[in-house]
């Protein structure tokens, strides 16, 4: 049986100082792969990849067309 007390409640908002921290690392990895594909195969290919992997159009447009607005993981 899973002990739910050990797991953080993901429905609680992230602290204001950490507003750039992504809680969904699976989607973050897909986005990173999409960015890599853009460099190798172009924006159209990367956009299709992100769409096919359920990344919202807003996120796809931001990361592919406005690189300065990408989230940083430092």
C-alpha atoms as a PDB file:
ATOM      1  CA  UNK A   1       0.000   0.000   0.000  1.00  0.00           C
ATOM      2  CA  UNK A   2       1.236   3.499  -0.845  1.00  0.00           C
ATOM      3  CA  UNK A   3       1.853   5.862   2.045  1.00  0.00           C
ATOM      4  CA  UNK A   4       0.345   9.082   0.729  1.00  0.00           C
ATOM      5  CA  UNK A   5       1.738  11.149   3.596  1.00  0.00           C
ATOM      6  CA  UNK A   6       5.225  10.804   2.118  1.00  0.00           C
ATOM      7  CA  UNK A   7       4.179  12.445  -1.146  1.00  0.00           C
ATOM      8  CA  UNK A   8       3.870  16.191  -1.629  1.00  0.00           C
ATOM      9  CA  UNK A   9       0.391  17.426  -2.462  1.00  0.00           C
ATOM     10  CA  UNK A  10       0.787  18.613  -6.063  1.00  0.00           C
ATOM     11  CA  UNK A  11      -2.495  20.513  -5.909  1.00  0.00           C
ATOM     12  CA  UNK A  12      -0.923  23.098  -3.588  1.00  0.00           C
ATOM     13  CA  UNK A  13       0.507  26.143  -5.363  1.00  0.00           C
ATOM     14  CA  UNK A  14       4.243  26.403  -5.806  1.00  0.00           C
ATOM     15  CA  UNK A  15       5.908  29.024  -3.643  1.00  0.00           C
ATOM     16  CA  UNK A  16       6.201  32.454  -5.312  1.00  0.00           C
ATOM     17  CA  UNK A  17       9.999  32.312  -5.396  1.00  0.00           C
ATOM     18  CA  UNK A  18       9.867  29.103  -7.409  1.00  0.00           C
ATOM     19  CA  UNK A  19       7.410  30.117 -10.125  1.00  0.00           C
ATOM     20  CA  UNK A  20       9.751  28.829 -12.843  1.00  0.00           C
ATOM     21  CA  UNK A  21       9.987  25.331 -11.405  1.00  0.00           C
ATOM     22  CA  UNK A  22       8.159  22.788 -13.511  1.00  0.00           C
ATOM     23  CA  UNK A  23       6.367  20.101 -11.518  1.00  0.00           C
ATOM     24  CA  UNK A  24       5.708  17.939 -14.571  1.00  0.00           C
ATOM     25  CA  UNK A  25       9.144  16.603 -15.475  1.00  0.00           C
ATOM     26  CA  UNK A  26       7.760  14.250 -18.126  1.00  0.00           C
ATOM     27  CA  UNK A  27       6.400  17.193 -20.119  1.00  0.00           C
ATOM     28  CA  UNK A  28       9.599  19.133 -19.472  1.00  0.00           C
ATOM     29  CA  UNK A  29      11.602  16.334 -21.052  1.00  0.00           C
ATOM     30  CA  UNK A  30       9.304  16.277 -24.085  1.00  0.00           C
ATOM     31  CA  UNK A  31       9.713  20.037 -24.471  1.00  0.00           C
ATOM     32  CA  UNK A  32      13.504  19.751 -24.202  1.00  0.00           C
ATOM     33  CA  UNK A  33      13.480  17.043 -26.862  1.00  0.00           C
ATOM     34  CA  UNK A  34      11.296  19.254 -29.061  1.00  0.00           C
ATOM     35  CA  UNK A  35      13.829  22.079 -28.759  1.00  0.00           C
ATOM     36  CA  UNK A  36      16.599  19.691 -29.728  1.00  0.00           C
ATOM     37  CA  UNK A  37      14.577  18.456 -32.704  1.00  0.00           C
ATOM     38  CA  UNK A  38      14.043  22.059 -33.791  1.00  0.00           C
ATOM     39  CA  UNK A  39      17.795  22.566 -33.986  1.00  0.00           C
ATOM     40  CA  UNK A  40      18.260  19.381 -36.033  1.00  0.00           C
ATOM     41  CA  UNK A  41      15.114  19.240 -38.199  1.00  0.00           C
ATOM     42  CA  UNK A  42      13.483  22.671 -38.081  1.00  0.00           C
ATOM     43  CA  UNK A  43      10.602  24.399 -36.348  1.00  0.00           C
ATOM     44  CA  UNK A  44       7.787  22.711 -38.276  1.00  0.00           C
ATOM     45  CA  UNK A  45       9.053  19.232 -37.373  1.00  0.00           C
ATOM     46  CA  UNK A  46       9.521  20.194 -33.708  1.00  0.00           C
ATOM     47  CA  UNK A  47       6.052  21.766 -33.527  1.00  0.00           C
ATOM     48  CA  UNK A  48       4.466  18.592 -34.899  1.00  0.00           C
ATOM     49  CA  UNK A  49       6.427  16.493 -32.399  1.00  0.00           C
ATOM     50  CA  UNK A  50       5.234  18.650 -29.486  1.00  0.00           C
ATOM     51  CA  UNK A  51       1.623  18.574 -30.743  1.00  0.00           C
ATOM     52  CA  UNK A  52       1.746  14.799 -31.142  1.00  0.00           C
ATOM     53  CA  UNK A  53       2.980  14.529 -27.542  1.00  0.00           C
ATOM     54  CA  UNK A  54       0.176  16.638 -26.030  1.00  0.00           C
ATOM     55  CA  UNK A  55       2.170  19.803 -25.392  1.00  0.00           C
ATOM     56  CA  UNK A  56      -0.173  22.800 -25.593  1.00  0.00           C
ATOM     57  CA  UNK A  57       0.120  25.144 -28.546  1.00  0.00           C
ATOM     58  CA  UNK A  58       0.878  28.043 -26.185  1.00  0.00           C
ATOM     59  CA  UNK A  59       3.872  26.239 -24.695  1.00  0.00           C
ATOM     60  CA  UNK A  60       5.077  24.995 -28.081  1.00  0.00           C
ATOM     61  CA  UNK A  61       4.912  28.485 -29.589  1.00  0.00           C
ATOM     62  CA  UNK A  62       6.727  30.009 -26.624  1.00  0.00           C
ATOM     63  CA  UNK A  63       9.613  27.558 -26.552  1.00  0.00           C
ATOM     64  CA  UNK A  64      10.052  27.284 -30.316  1.00  0.00           C
ATOM     65  CA  UNK A  65       9.472  30.885 -31.394  1.00  0.00           C
ATOM     66  CA  UNK A  66      10.571  32.897 -28.337  1.00  0.00           C
ATOM     67  CA  UNK A  67      13.686  31.214 -26.895  1.00  0.00           C
ATOM     68  CA  UNK A  68      14.310  34.100 -24.479  1.00  0.00           C
ATOM     69  CA  UNK A  69      11.079  33.144 -22.677  1.00  0.00           C
ATOM     70  CA  UNK A  70      12.069  29.524 -22.058  1.00  0.00           C
ATOM     71  CA  UNK A  71      12.262  28.315 -18.482  1.00  0.00           C
ATOM     72  CA  UNK A  72      15.714  27.994 -16.996  1.00  0.00           C
ATOM     73  CA  UNK A  73      16.838  25.052 -14.873  1.00  0.00           C
ATOM     74  CA  UNK A  74      19.797  26.397 -12.879  1.00  0.00           C
END
